[in-house]
């Protein structure tokens, strides 16, 4: 009987942990790290605060788990989307597309990343503890393109700042620029137009003179 109960108990525990992470991501995205409270997360999940502490000892550990999940998921999504691309430009645009689509489909992640850029407090002394995978992904693609001569010499972080970072603004600014400028980032026409612009900017940034 115990052998039957154990998997069921584990499944319930895993489901509760996932529900906590999803609620925490929404609350950290909306309120920011400093203002977010474990009580708010517990209320959103429909559990008591001690149930959160059972899975995550404190707010920092919960935030770390949320950020870790965001960047691990983003890395896995990008790896799948770039796997079949043979040439440097194809891999670069596939990576930028993957980041854009990931953030459009998970806008809470976009807001958390944007908050992280503005306030490194939650990360303490290592601001890239979890985002290192994303930076390494684009650095590897750019290095391979430069090494083969497909790309002109360029600092990958310049590409991140000038091109890739636009995905965050695109997702987060849909309702932030006034009613007359409001848009839905997930709208197929809006998204296609922005994607085309990202591709043009990326090509302009890396194409040899």
N, C-alpha and C. Protein backbone atom coordinates (compact mmCIF):
# COMPACT_ATOMS: atom_id res chain seq x y z
N UNK A 1 0.83 -1.21 0.00
CA UNK A 1 0.00 0.00 0.00
C UNK A 1 0.86 1.26 0.00
N UNK A 2 1.94 1.25 0.82
CA UNK A 2 2.84 2.42 0.86
C UNK A 2 3.47 2.68 -0.49
N UNK A 3 3.78 1.59 -1.22
CA UNK A 3 4.41 1.75 -2.53
C UNK A 3 3.46 2.40 -3.52
N UNK A 4 2.14 2.28 -3.27
CA UNK A 4 1.16 2.92 -4.13
C UNK A 4 1.00 4.39 -3.75
N UNK A 5 0.99 4.64 -2.43
CA UNK A 5 0.79 6.01 -1.95
C UNK A 5 1.97 6.92 -2.30
N UNK A 6 3.17 6.35 -2.27
CA UNK A 6 4.36 7.19 -2.45
C UNK A 6 4.38 7.92 -3.79
N UNK A 7 4.16 7.22 -4.92
CA UNK A 7 4.14 7.96 -6.21
C UNK A 7 3.05 9.01 -6.26
N UNK A 8 1.87 8.71 -5.67
CA UNK A 8 0.78 9.68 -5.67
C UNK A 8 1.16 10.90 -4.85
N UNK A 9 1.80 10.69 -3.69
CA UNK A 9 2.23 11.80 -2.84
C UNK A 9 3.29 12.63 -3.56
N UNK A 10 4.20 11.95 -4.26
CA UNK A 10 5.24 12.64 -5.01
C UNK A 10 4.64 13.48 -6.13
N UNK A 11 3.64 12.91 -6.81
CA UNK A 11 2.99 13.63 -7.90
C UNK A 11 2.29 14.87 -7.37
N UNK A 12 1.62 14.76 -6.22
CA UNK A 12 0.96 15.93 -5.63
C UNK A 12 1.99 16.98 -5.23
N UNK A 13 3.10 16.52 -4.66
CA UNK A 13 4.15 17.46 -4.28
C UNK A 13 4.74 18.18 -5.48
N UNK A 14 4.97 17.43 -6.56
CA UNK A 14 5.51 18.04 -7.78
C UNK A 14 4.52 19.05 -8.37
N UNK A 15 3.23 18.71 -8.34
CA UNK A 15 2.21 19.61 -8.88
C UNK A 15 2.12 20.89 -8.04
N UNK A 16 2.23 20.74 -6.71
CA UNK A 16 2.20 21.92 -5.84
C UNK A 16 3.42 22.79 -6.09
N UNK A 17 4.57 22.18 -6.24
CA UNK A 17 5.80 22.95 -6.50
C UNK A 17 5.68 23.73 -7.80
N UNK A 18 5.14 23.08 -8.84
CA UNK A 18 4.98 23.75 -10.13
C UNK A 18 3.98 24.89 -10.02
N UNK A 19 2.90 24.69 -9.29
CA UNK A 19 1.90 25.74 -9.11
C UNK A 19 2.50 26.93 -8.36
N UNK A 20 3.35 26.65 -7.37
CA UNK A 20 4.02 27.73 -6.64
C UNK A 20 4.92 28.52 -7.57
N UNK A 21 5.70 27.83 -8.39
CA UNK A 21 6.61 28.51 -9.32
C UNK A 21 5.83 29.38 -10.31
N UNK A 22 4.75 28.87 -10.84
CA UNK A 22 3.96 29.63 -11.82
C UNK A 22 3.34 30.87 -11.18
N UNK A 23 2.80 30.71 -9.98
CA UNK A 23 2.21 31.87 -9.29
C UNK A 23 3.29 32.88 -8.91
N UNK A 24 4.42 32.38 -8.44
CA UNK A 24 5.52 33.28 -8.06
C UNK A 24 6.04 34.05 -9.26
N UNK A 25 6.12 33.42 -10.41
CA UNK A 25 6.58 34.12 -11.61
C UNK A 25 5.65 35.29 -11.94
N UNK A 26 4.35 35.07 -11.84
CA UNK A 26 3.40 36.15 -12.11
C UNK A 26 3.56 37.29 -11.10
N UNK A 27 3.73 36.94 -9.84
CA UNK A 27 3.80 37.97 -8.80
C UNK A 27 5.13 38.71 -8.85
N UNK A 28 6.23 38.00 -9.05
CA UNK A 28 7.52 38.69 -9.20
C UNK A 28 7.50 39.60 -10.43
N UNK A 29 6.85 39.16 -11.50
CA UNK A 29 6.78 39.98 -12.72
C UNK A 29 5.96 41.24 -12.47
N UNK A 30 4.87 41.13 -11.73
CA UNK A 30 3.99 42.27 -11.52
C UNK A 30 4.51 43.22 -10.44
N UNK A 31 5.02 42.66 -9.33
CA UNK A 31 5.37 43.48 -8.17
C UNK A 31 6.86 43.75 -8.04
N UNK A 32 7.69 42.92 -8.64
CA UNK A 32 9.13 43.03 -8.43
C UNK A 32 9.56 42.24 -7.21
N UNK A 33 10.85 41.99 -7.12
CA UNK A 33 11.35 41.15 -6.03
C UNK A 33 11.07 41.76 -4.66
N UNK A 34 11.36 43.04 -4.49
CA UNK A 34 11.27 43.66 -3.17
C UNK A 34 9.85 43.65 -2.64
N UNK A 35 8.87 43.93 -3.48
CA UNK A 35 7.49 44.04 -3.02
C UNK A 35 6.75 42.71 -2.96
N UNK A 36 7.23 41.71 -3.65
CA UNK A 36 6.55 40.41 -3.67
C UNK A 36 6.62 39.76 -2.29
N UNK A 37 5.54 39.08 -1.90
CA UNK A 37 5.48 38.42 -0.60
C UNK A 37 5.11 36.95 -0.79
N UNK A 38 5.67 36.11 0.07
CA UNK A 38 5.31 34.69 0.03
C UNK A 38 3.82 34.50 0.30
N UNK A 39 3.24 35.38 1.14
CA UNK A 39 1.81 35.28 1.44
C UNK A 39 0.98 35.49 0.17
N UNK A 40 1.43 36.38 -0.70
CA UNK A 40 0.71 36.62 -1.96
C UNK A 40 0.76 35.39 -2.86
N UNK A 41 1.92 34.75 -2.88
CA UNK A 41 2.07 33.53 -3.68
C UNK A 41 1.17 32.43 -3.13
N UNK A 42 1.19 32.27 -1.82
CA UNK A 42 0.37 31.23 -1.19
C UNK A 42 -1.11 31.45 -1.49
N UNK A 43 -1.55 32.71 -1.41
CA UNK A 43 -2.95 33.01 -1.69
C UNK A 43 -3.29 32.70 -3.14
N UNK A 44 -2.38 33.01 -4.06
CA UNK A 44 -2.63 32.74 -5.48
C UNK A 44 -2.75 31.24 -5.76
N UNK A 45 -1.99 30.44 -5.03
CA UNK A 45 -2.01 28.98 -5.24
C UNK A 45 -3.17 28.35 -4.49
N UNK A 46 -3.61 29.00 -3.40
CA UNK A 46 -4.66 28.43 -2.58
C UNK A 46 -4.12 27.53 -1.49
N UNK A 47 -2.92 27.85 -1.01
CA UNK A 47 -2.30 27.08 0.06
C UNK A 47 -1.87 28.04 1.16
N UNK A 48 -1.33 27.50 2.25
CA UNK A 48 -0.83 28.34 3.34
C UNK A 48 0.67 28.58 3.14
N UNK A 49 1.15 29.67 3.74
CA UNK A 49 2.56 30.05 3.60
C UNK A 49 3.52 28.92 3.99
N UNK A 50 3.27 28.16 5.08
CA UNK A 50 4.19 27.06 5.42
C UNK A 50 4.36 26.02 4.31
N UNK A 51 3.33 25.89 3.47
CA UNK A 51 3.44 24.93 2.36
C UNK A 51 4.48 25.39 1.34
N UNK A 52 4.61 26.72 1.18
CA UNK A 52 5.65 27.24 0.28
C UNK A 52 7.02 27.00 0.89
N UNK A 53 7.15 27.27 2.18
CA UNK A 53 8.44 27.13 2.86
C UNK A 53 8.89 25.67 2.85
N UNK A 54 7.96 24.74 2.78
CA UNK A 54 8.31 23.32 2.67
C UNK A 54 9.10 23.07 1.39
N UNK A 55 8.73 23.75 0.31
CA UNK A 55 9.40 23.57 -0.99
C UNK A 55 10.54 24.57 -1.19
N UNK A 56 10.37 25.80 -0.68
CA UNK A 56 11.36 26.87 -0.88
C UNK A 56 11.55 27.58 0.47
N UNK A 57 12.73 27.49 1.07
CA UNK A 57 12.94 28.02 2.43
C UNK A 57 12.62 29.50 2.60
N UNK A 58 12.76 30.30 1.55
CA UNK A 58 12.51 31.73 1.67
C UNK A 58 12.26 32.36 0.32
N UNK A 59 12.05 33.69 0.32
CA UNK A 59 11.74 34.39 -0.92
C UNK A 59 12.91 34.33 -1.90
N UNK A 60 14.13 34.46 -1.41
CA UNK A 60 15.28 34.42 -2.31
C UNK A 60 15.36 33.07 -3.03
N UNK A 61 15.16 31.99 -2.29
CA UNK A 61 15.22 30.65 -2.90
C UNK A 61 14.10 30.47 -3.93
N UNK A 62 12.93 31.02 -3.62
CA UNK A 62 11.82 30.93 -4.57
C UNK A 62 12.11 31.74 -5.82
N UNK A 63 12.63 32.96 -5.64
CA UNK A 63 12.98 33.78 -6.80
C UNK A 63 14.06 33.10 -7.64
N UNK A 64 15.06 32.53 -6.97
CA UNK A 64 16.12 31.82 -7.70
C UNK A 64 15.54 30.69 -8.54
N UNK A 65 14.60 29.95 -7.97
CA UNK A 65 13.99 28.84 -8.69
C UNK A 65 13.20 29.34 -9.90
N UNK A 66 12.51 30.46 -9.73
CA UNK A 66 11.76 31.04 -10.85
C UNK A 66 12.71 31.46 -11.97
N UNK A 67 13.74 32.19 -11.61
CA UNK A 67 14.68 32.67 -12.64
C UNK A 67 15.41 31.50 -13.30
N UNK A 68 15.80 30.52 -12.50
CA UNK A 68 16.46 29.33 -13.05
C UNK A 68 15.56 28.63 -14.05
N UNK A 69 14.28 28.50 -13.72
CA UNK A 69 13.34 27.83 -14.62
C UNK A 69 13.15 28.61 -15.91
N UNK A 70 13.09 29.94 -15.81
CA UNK A 70 12.93 30.78 -17.00
C UNK A 70 14.08 30.55 -17.98
N UNK A 71 15.31 30.68 -17.48
CA UNK A 71 16.45 30.60 -18.39
C UNK A 71 16.73 29.17 -18.85
N UNK A 72 16.45 28.18 -18.00
CA UNK A 72 16.60 26.78 -18.45
C UNK A 72 15.60 26.47 -19.55
N UNK A 73 14.37 26.93 -19.39
CA UNK A 73 13.34 26.71 -20.41
C UNK A 73 13.67 27.45 -21.69
N UNK A 74 14.17 28.67 -21.55
CA UNK A 74 14.53 29.48 -22.72
C UNK A 74 15.68 28.82 -23.48
N UNK A 75 16.66 28.31 -22.75
CA UNK A 75 17.81 27.65 -23.38
C UNK A 75 17.36 26.40 -24.12
N UNK A 76 16.51 25.59 -23.50
CA UNK A 76 16.04 24.36 -24.14
C UNK A 76 15.22 24.68 -25.39
N UNK A 77 14.39 25.71 -25.31
CA UNK A 77 13.57 26.12 -26.46
C UNK A 77 14.46 26.59 -27.60
N UNK A 78 15.48 27.38 -27.27
CA UNK A 78 16.39 27.89 -28.31
C UNK A 78 17.21 26.76 -28.91
N UNK A 79 17.65 25.82 -28.10
CA UNK A 79 18.44 24.69 -28.61
C UNK A 79 17.64 23.87 -29.61
N UNK A 80 16.37 23.68 -29.32
CA UNK A 80 15.52 22.91 -30.24
C UNK A 80 15.31 23.66 -31.55
N UNK A 81 15.14 24.98 -31.48
CA UNK A 81 14.86 25.77 -32.67
C UNK A 81 16.10 25.96 -33.54
N UNK A 82 17.30 25.94 -32.96
CA UNK A 82 18.52 26.18 -33.74
C UNK A 82 19.18 24.88 -34.21
N UNK A 83 18.72 23.75 -33.72
CA UNK A 83 19.40 22.48 -33.98
C UNK A 83 19.52 22.14 -35.46
N UNK A 84 18.53 22.47 -36.26
CA UNK A 84 18.55 22.08 -37.66
C UNK A 84 19.15 23.10 -38.60
N UNK A 85 19.70 24.19 -38.05
CA UNK A 85 20.24 25.25 -38.90
C UNK A 85 21.72 25.02 -39.18
N UNK A 86 22.09 24.98 -40.47
CA UNK A 86 23.46 24.64 -40.84
C UNK A 86 24.37 25.85 -40.94
N UNK A 87 23.85 27.00 -41.40
CA UNK A 87 24.73 28.15 -41.63
C UNK A 87 24.61 29.15 -40.49
N UNK A 88 25.59 30.03 -40.38
CA UNK A 88 25.70 30.95 -39.26
C UNK A 88 24.50 31.90 -39.18
N UNK A 89 24.10 32.48 -40.32
CA UNK A 89 22.99 33.41 -40.30
C UNK A 89 21.69 32.71 -39.92
N UNK A 90 21.52 31.50 -40.42
CA UNK A 90 20.33 30.73 -40.06
C UNK A 90 20.27 30.45 -38.58
N UNK A 91 21.42 30.11 -37.98
CA UNK A 91 21.44 29.84 -36.53
C UNK A 91 21.17 31.12 -35.75
N UNK A 92 21.73 32.24 -36.21
CA UNK A 92 21.52 33.49 -35.49
C UNK A 92 20.05 33.91 -35.53
N UNK A 93 19.44 33.91 -36.72
CA UNK A 93 18.04 34.33 -36.80
C UNK A 93 17.12 33.33 -36.09
N UNK A 94 17.48 32.05 -36.12
CA UNK A 94 16.68 31.05 -35.40
C UNK A 94 16.75 31.29 -33.90
N UNK A 95 17.93 31.66 -33.41
CA UNK A 95 18.06 31.96 -31.98
C UNK A 95 17.25 33.19 -31.60
N UNK A 96 17.36 34.25 -32.40
CA UNK A 96 16.60 35.47 -32.11
C UNK A 96 15.10 35.21 -32.20
N UNK A 97 14.68 34.40 -33.17
CA UNK A 97 13.27 34.02 -33.28
C UNK A 97 12.83 33.24 -32.05
N UNK A 98 13.67 32.33 -31.60
CA UNK A 98 13.33 31.50 -30.44
C UNK A 98 13.16 32.37 -29.20
N UNK A 99 14.08 33.29 -28.99
CA UNK A 99 13.95 34.19 -27.83
C UNK A 99 12.68 35.02 -27.93
N UNK A 100 12.40 35.55 -29.10
CA UNK A 100 11.20 36.37 -29.29
C UNK A 100 9.94 35.56 -29.03
N UNK A 101 9.85 34.38 -29.62
CA UNK A 101 8.65 33.56 -29.44
C UNK A 101 8.50 33.09 -28.00
N UNK A 102 9.60 32.76 -27.37
CA UNK A 102 9.55 32.34 -25.96
C UNK A 102 8.97 33.45 -25.10
N UNK A 103 9.45 34.67 -25.29
CA UNK A 103 9.01 35.80 -24.47
C UNK A 103 7.58 36.21 -24.79
N UNK A 104 7.19 36.14 -26.06
CA UNK A 104 5.81 36.45 -26.42
C UNK A 104 4.85 35.47 -25.74
N UNK A 105 5.23 34.21 -25.71
CA UNK A 105 4.39 33.19 -25.10
C UNK A 105 4.49 33.14 -23.58
N UNK A 106 5.50 33.82 -23.04
CA UNK A 106 5.70 33.84 -21.58
C UNK A 106 6.04 35.26 -21.14
N UNK A 107 5.09 36.18 -21.26
CA UNK A 107 5.39 37.59 -20.99
C UNK A 107 5.84 37.86 -19.55
N UNK A 108 5.43 37.03 -18.61
CA UNK A 108 5.93 37.21 -17.24
C UNK A 108 7.44 37.04 -17.19
N UNK A 109 7.96 36.14 -17.99
CA UNK A 109 9.42 35.95 -18.05
C UNK A 109 10.09 37.20 -18.60
N UNK A 110 9.48 37.81 -19.62
CA UNK A 110 10.05 39.04 -20.20
C UNK A 110 10.11 40.14 -19.15
N UNK A 111 9.05 40.28 -18.35
CA UNK A 111 9.03 41.34 -17.34
C UNK A 111 10.05 41.08 -16.24
N UNK A 112 10.23 39.81 -15.87
CA UNK A 112 11.22 39.49 -14.84
C UNK A 112 12.63 39.77 -15.35
N UNK A 113 12.92 39.41 -16.60
CA UNK A 113 14.24 39.68 -17.16
C UNK A 113 14.48 41.18 -17.25
N UNK A 114 13.46 41.92 -17.65
CA UNK A 114 13.61 43.37 -17.73
C UNK A 114 13.84 43.97 -16.34
N UNK A 115 13.15 43.46 -15.34
CA UNK A 115 13.39 43.92 -13.97
C UNK A 115 14.80 43.56 -13.52
N UNK A 116 15.27 42.39 -13.90
CA UNK A 116 16.62 41.97 -13.52
C UNK A 116 17.67 42.90 -14.10
N UNK A 117 17.46 43.35 -15.34
CA UNK A 117 18.40 44.27 -15.97
C UNK A 117 18.44 45.60 -15.21
N UNK A 118 17.27 46.06 -14.76
CA UNK A 118 17.20 47.34 -14.08
C UNK A 118 17.65 47.26 -12.63
N UNK A 119 17.49 46.10 -11.99
CA UNK A 119 17.80 45.96 -10.57
C UNK A 119 18.46 44.61 -10.33
N UNK A 120 19.77 44.62 -10.18
CA UNK A 120 20.51 43.36 -9.99
C UNK A 120 20.51 42.92 -8.54
N UNK A 121 19.79 43.64 -7.68
CA UNK A 121 19.77 43.30 -6.26
C UNK A 121 19.47 41.84 -5.96
N UNK A 122 18.43 41.25 -6.55
CA UNK A 122 18.11 39.86 -6.25
C UNK A 122 19.23 38.88 -6.59
N UNK A 123 20.10 39.26 -7.54
CA UNK A 123 21.17 38.34 -7.94
C UNK A 123 22.44 38.55 -7.13
N UNK A 124 22.49 39.59 -6.33
CA UNK A 124 23.67 39.81 -5.50
C UNK A 124 24.92 40.01 -6.33
N UNK A 125 25.95 39.24 -6.02
CA UNK A 125 27.24 39.44 -6.68
C UNK A 125 27.39 38.76 -8.01
N UNK A 126 26.41 38.00 -8.46
CA UNK A 126 26.54 37.28 -9.73
C UNK A 126 25.28 37.50 -10.57
N UNK A 127 25.21 38.60 -11.31
CA UNK A 127 24.00 38.92 -12.06
C UNK A 127 23.68 37.95 -13.19
N UNK A 128 24.64 37.13 -13.62
CA UNK A 128 24.38 36.19 -14.72
C UNK A 128 24.36 34.75 -14.22
N UNK A 129 24.06 34.57 -12.95
CA UNK A 129 24.05 33.22 -12.38
C UNK A 129 23.19 32.26 -13.19
N UNK A 130 22.03 32.73 -13.66
CA UNK A 130 21.13 31.87 -14.43
C UNK A 130 21.06 32.26 -15.91
N UNK A 131 21.30 33.53 -16.23
CA UNK A 131 21.22 33.99 -17.62
C UNK A 131 22.48 33.66 -18.42
N UNK A 132 23.47 33.11 -17.79
CA UNK A 132 24.72 32.77 -18.48
C UNK A 132 24.47 31.87 -19.69
N UNK A 133 23.51 30.97 -19.60
CA UNK A 133 23.23 30.06 -20.72
C UNK A 133 22.80 30.82 -21.96
N UNK A 134 21.95 31.84 -21.78
CA UNK A 134 21.48 32.63 -22.93
C UNK A 134 22.64 33.39 -23.56
N UNK A 135 23.48 33.98 -22.74
CA UNK A 135 24.63 34.72 -23.26
C UNK A 135 25.60 33.78 -23.98
N UNK A 136 25.81 32.62 -23.40
CA UNK A 136 26.71 31.64 -24.03
C UNK A 136 26.17 31.17 -25.38
N UNK A 137 24.85 31.05 -25.48
CA UNK A 137 24.23 30.61 -26.75
C UNK A 137 24.56 31.59 -27.88
N UNK A 138 24.35 32.87 -27.64
CA UNK A 138 24.58 33.84 -28.72
C UNK A 138 26.08 34.03 -28.94
N UNK A 139 26.88 33.95 -27.89
CA UNK A 139 28.33 34.08 -28.05
C UNK A 139 28.88 32.97 -28.93
N UNK A 140 28.38 31.74 -28.75
CA UNK A 140 28.87 30.61 -29.55
C UNK A 140 28.51 30.79 -31.02
N UNK A 141 27.29 31.25 -31.28
CA UNK A 141 26.86 31.44 -32.67
C UNK A 141 27.66 32.56 -33.34
N UNK A 142 27.85 33.66 -32.63
CA UNK A 142 28.60 34.77 -33.21
C UNK A 142 30.06 34.38 -33.44
N UNK A 143 30.66 33.69 -32.48
CA UNK A 143 32.06 33.27 -32.63
C UNK A 143 32.23 32.35 -33.84
N UNK A 144 31.31 31.41 -34.01
CA UNK A 144 31.40 30.49 -35.16
C UNK A 144 31.26 31.27 -36.46
N UNK A 145 30.35 32.26 -36.49
CA UNK A 145 30.18 33.05 -37.70
C UNK A 145 31.39 33.89 -38.02
N UNK A 146 32.02 34.48 -37.01
CA UNK A 146 33.22 35.29 -37.21
C UNK A 146 34.38 34.40 -37.65
N UNK A 147 34.53 33.24 -37.00
CA UNK A 147 35.64 32.34 -37.32
C UNK A 147 35.59 31.84 -38.76
N UNK A 148 34.39 31.65 -39.29
CA UNK A 148 34.26 31.15 -40.67
C UNK A 148 34.23 32.28 -41.70
N UNK A 149 34.20 33.52 -41.23
CA UNK A 149 34.14 34.65 -42.15
C UNK A 149 32.73 35.02 -42.58
N UNK A 150 31.72 34.31 -42.08
CA UNK A 150 30.34 34.62 -42.43
C UNK A 150 29.90 35.92 -41.78
N UNK A 151 30.47 36.23 -40.62
CA UNK A 151 30.14 37.47 -39.90
C UNK A 151 31.37 38.35 -39.84
N UNK A 152 31.15 39.64 -39.83
CA UNK A 152 32.25 40.55 -39.56
C UNK A 152 32.57 40.47 -38.07
N UNK A 153 33.77 40.85 -37.64
CA UNK A 153 34.08 40.85 -36.21
C UNK A 153 33.11 41.76 -35.46
N UNK A 154 32.45 41.21 -34.45
CA UNK A 154 31.48 41.98 -33.67
C UNK A 154 31.42 41.41 -32.26
N UNK A 155 31.26 42.28 -31.29
CA UNK A 155 31.11 41.84 -29.92
C UNK A 155 29.69 41.26 -29.74
N UNK A 156 29.56 40.02 -29.30
CA UNK A 156 28.22 39.46 -29.12
C UNK A 156 27.32 40.31 -28.23
N UNK A 157 27.90 40.93 -27.21
CA UNK A 157 27.06 41.72 -26.30
C UNK A 157 26.49 42.95 -26.99
N UNK A 158 27.18 43.46 -28.04
CA UNK A 158 26.61 44.56 -28.82
C UNK A 158 25.36 44.08 -29.55
N UNK A 159 25.40 42.86 -30.05
CA UNK A 159 24.25 42.29 -30.73
C UNK A 159 23.11 42.07 -29.74
N UNK A 160 23.45 41.63 -28.54
CA UNK A 160 22.43 41.46 -27.50
C UNK A 160 21.76 42.80 -27.20
N UNK A 161 22.57 43.83 -27.00
CA UNK A 161 22.02 45.13 -26.62
C UNK A 161 21.27 45.81 -27.76
N UNK A 162 21.80 45.72 -28.98
CA UNK A 162 21.23 46.47 -30.10
C UNK A 162 20.08 45.76 -30.79
N UNK A 163 20.08 44.42 -30.76
CA UNK A 163 19.08 43.67 -31.52
C UNK A 163 18.23 42.78 -30.61
N UNK A 164 18.87 41.85 -29.92
CA UNK A 164 18.12 40.85 -29.15
C UNK A 164 17.31 41.48 -28.03
N UNK A 165 17.86 42.52 -27.39
CA UNK A 165 17.15 43.15 -26.28
C UNK A 165 15.82 43.77 -26.68
N UNK A 166 15.66 44.04 -27.96
CA UNK A 166 14.41 44.62 -28.43
C UNK A 166 13.21 43.73 -28.17
N UNK A 167 13.43 42.42 -28.09
CA UNK A 167 12.32 41.50 -27.82
C UNK A 167 11.68 41.80 -26.47
N UNK A 168 12.49 42.18 -25.49
CA UNK A 168 11.95 42.52 -24.17
C UNK A 168 11.03 43.73 -24.26
N UNK A 169 11.49 44.78 -24.95
CA UNK A 169 10.68 45.98 -25.09
C UNK A 169 9.41 45.69 -25.89
N UNK A 170 9.54 44.89 -26.93
CA UNK A 170 8.37 44.56 -27.75
C UNK A 170 7.30 43.88 -26.91
N UNK A 171 7.70 42.93 -26.09
CA UNK A 171 6.73 42.19 -25.28
C UNK A 171 6.19 43.05 -24.14
N UNK A 172 7.06 43.78 -23.47
CA UNK A 172 6.66 44.52 -22.27
C UNK A 172 5.94 45.84 -22.55
N UNK A 173 6.12 46.41 -23.74
CA UNK A 173 5.58 47.74 -24.03
C UNK A 173 4.21 47.74 -24.68
N UNK A 174 3.60 46.58 -24.83
CA UNK A 174 2.31 46.53 -25.52
C UNK A 174 1.25 47.43 -24.94
N UNK A 175 1.28 47.62 -23.61
CA UNK A 175 0.28 48.47 -22.96
C UNK A 175 0.93 49.61 -22.18
N UNK A 176 2.20 49.87 -22.43
CA UNK A 176 2.95 50.83 -21.63
C UNK A 176 3.18 52.18 -22.31
N UNK A 177 2.70 52.35 -23.53
CA UNK A 177 3.01 53.57 -24.28
C UNK A 177 1.77 54.41 -24.58
N UNK A 178 0.71 54.19 -23.84
CA UNK A 178 -0.51 54.95 -24.05
C UNK A 178 -1.50 54.22 -24.95
N UNK A 179 -2.76 54.55 -24.78
CA UNK A 179 -3.82 53.83 -25.50
C UNK A 179 -3.66 53.93 -27.02
N UNK A 180 -3.21 55.09 -27.51
CA UNK A 180 -3.10 55.28 -28.96
C UNK A 180 -2.01 54.41 -29.57
N UNK A 181 -1.06 53.96 -28.75
CA UNK A 181 0.05 53.15 -29.27
C UNK A 181 -0.02 51.70 -28.81
N UNK A 182 -1.09 51.33 -28.17
CA UNK A 182 -1.20 49.98 -27.62
C UNK A 182 -1.25 48.93 -28.74
N UNK A 183 -0.68 47.78 -28.46
CA UNK A 183 -0.71 46.68 -29.42
C UNK A 183 -0.64 45.36 -28.66
N UNK A 184 -0.98 44.29 -29.33
CA UNK A 184 -0.91 42.95 -28.75
C UNK A 184 0.35 42.28 -29.29
N UNK A 185 1.36 42.02 -28.46
CA UNK A 185 2.59 41.41 -28.96
C UNK A 185 2.38 40.07 -29.63
N UNK A 186 1.30 39.37 -29.25
CA UNK A 186 1.04 38.05 -29.83
C UNK A 186 0.25 38.12 -31.13
N UNK A 187 -0.22 39.30 -31.51
CA UNK A 187 -0.95 39.43 -32.77
C UNK A 187 -0.04 39.02 -33.93
N UNK A 188 -0.55 38.18 -34.81
CA UNK A 188 0.29 37.59 -35.85
C UNK A 188 0.89 38.64 -36.79
N UNK A 189 0.12 39.69 -37.11
CA UNK A 189 0.63 40.73 -38.01
C UNK A 189 1.70 41.56 -37.31
N UNK A 190 1.42 41.97 -36.07
CA UNK A 190 2.41 42.73 -35.29
C UNK A 190 3.69 41.93 -35.13
N UNK A 191 3.55 40.67 -34.77
CA UNK A 191 4.71 39.82 -34.50
C UNK A 191 5.53 39.61 -35.78
N UNK A 192 4.86 39.39 -36.89
CA UNK A 192 5.58 39.18 -38.15
C UNK A 192 6.36 40.43 -38.54
N UNK A 193 5.76 41.60 -38.34
CA UNK A 193 6.46 42.84 -38.67
C UNK A 193 7.67 43.06 -37.79
N UNK A 194 7.53 42.80 -36.50
CA UNK A 194 8.67 42.98 -35.60
C UNK A 194 9.75 41.95 -35.89
N UNK A 195 9.36 40.72 -36.16
CA UNK A 195 10.33 39.67 -36.47
C UNK A 195 11.15 40.04 -37.71
N UNK A 196 10.49 40.56 -38.73
CA UNK A 196 11.19 40.96 -39.95
C UNK A 196 12.20 42.06 -39.65
N UNK A 197 11.83 42.99 -38.79
CA UNK A 197 12.75 44.06 -38.42
C UNK A 197 13.96 43.51 -37.67
N UNK A 198 13.73 42.58 -36.76
CA UNK A 198 14.84 41.96 -36.02
C UNK A 198 15.80 41.27 -36.98
N UNK A 199 15.26 40.58 -37.98
CA UNK A 199 16.11 39.91 -38.96
C UNK A 199 16.94 40.93 -39.75
N UNK A 200 16.31 42.01 -40.17
CA UNK A 200 17.05 43.04 -40.92
C UNK A 200 18.17 43.64 -40.07
N UNK A 201 17.86 43.94 -38.82
CA UNK A 201 18.87 44.51 -37.94
C UNK A 201 20.02 43.54 -37.70
N UNK A 202 19.70 42.27 -37.51
CA UNK A 202 20.73 41.26 -37.26
C UNK A 202 21.64 41.12 -38.47
N UNK A 203 21.05 41.07 -39.66
CA UNK A 203 21.86 40.95 -40.87
C UNK A 203 22.74 42.17 -41.06
N UNK A 204 22.19 43.34 -40.83
CA UNK A 204 22.98 44.56 -40.95
C UNK A 204 24.12 44.59 -39.96
N UNK A 205 23.90 44.03 -38.78
CA UNK A 205 24.93 44.07 -37.73
C UNK A 205 26.10 43.14 -38.00
N UNK A 206 25.83 41.99 -38.64
CA UNK A 206 26.89 40.97 -38.75
C UNK A 206 27.44 40.78 -40.15
N UNK A 207 26.73 41.25 -41.18
CA UNK A 207 27.18 41.00 -42.55
C UNK A 207 28.48 41.74 -42.84
N UNK A 208 29.48 41.05 -43.33
CA UNK A 208 30.75 41.73 -43.65
C UNK A 208 30.55 42.83 -44.68
N UNK A 209 31.34 43.90 -44.56
CA UNK A 209 31.23 45.01 -45.50
C UNK A 209 31.63 44.57 -46.89
